Protein backbone atom coordinates (compact mmCIF):
# COMPACT_ATOMS: atom_id res chain seq x y z
CA MET A 1 -7.08 24.77 0.10
CA GLY A 2 -6.76 21.56 1.76
CA GLU A 3 -3.41 21.02 -0.08
CA PHE A 4 -1.84 24.34 1.24
CA ILE A 5 -3.35 23.72 4.77
CA ARG A 6 -1.47 20.33 4.62
CA LEU A 7 1.71 21.94 3.52
CA PHE A 8 1.40 24.90 5.81
CA ILE A 9 0.90 22.30 8.98
CA ILE A 10 4.06 20.36 7.32
CA ALA A 11 6.41 23.78 7.18
CA ALA A 12 5.24 24.64 11.07
CA GLY A 13 5.98 21.09 12.18
CA ILE A 14 9.70 21.41 11.04
CA ILE A 15 10.17 24.96 12.03
CA LEU A 16 8.63 23.87 15.75
CA LEU A 17 10.91 20.79 15.78
CA PHE A 18 13.89 22.73 14.98
CA TYR A 19 12.84 24.96 17.73
CA TYR A 20 12.52 22.10 20.34
CA PHE A 21 15.32 20.71 19.87
CA ASP A 22 17.95 23.63 19.08
CA ARG A 23 16.00 26.62 21.36
CA ASP A 24 19.53 28.29 21.79
CA LYS A 25 19.81 29.26 18.06
CA MET A 26 15.89 30.07 17.24
CA SER A 27 14.51 33.05 19.34
CA LYS A 28 10.35 32.73 19.81
CA LYS A 29 9.87 35.85 17.18
CA GLU A 30 11.32 34.04 14.63
CA ILE A 31 8.78 31.09 14.69
CA ILE A 32 6.24 32.65 12.86
CA PRO A 33 8.11 34.54 10.02
CA SER A 34 10.28 31.13 9.56
CA ILE A 35 7.19 29.24 9.15
CA LEU A 36 5.65 31.43 6.77
CA VAL A 37 9.16 31.04 4.46
CA LEU A 38 9.26 27.69 4.82
CA PHE A 39 5.74 27.46 3.58
CA VAL A 40 6.32 29.87 0.45
CA LEU A 41 9.07 27.43 -0.02
CA ILE A 42 7.61 24.43 0.31
CA VAL A 43 4.50 25.86 -2.12
CA LEU A 44 6.94 26.67 -4.84
CA VAL A 45 8.90 23.50 -4.82
CA ASN A 46 5.05 21.84 -4.99
CA TYR A 47 4.13 24.33 -7.80
CA ILE A 48 7.30 23.42 -9.74
CA LYS A 49 6.99 19.43 -9.23
CA ASP A 50 3.54 20.04 -10.36
CA LEU A 51 4.58 21.72 -13.92
CA LEU A 52 7.06 19.25 -14.65
């Protein structure tokens, strides 16, 4: 469970940094969905990496 929290924090950090540096391209409504999408992608990549 701790690994998923760490991956979620990484995803949130990436999206929030993107939002901080480029506010014109991203609205506040898009922050949570984009964090969730990036979190799922990171979990999938991590899962595939563990399989190999």
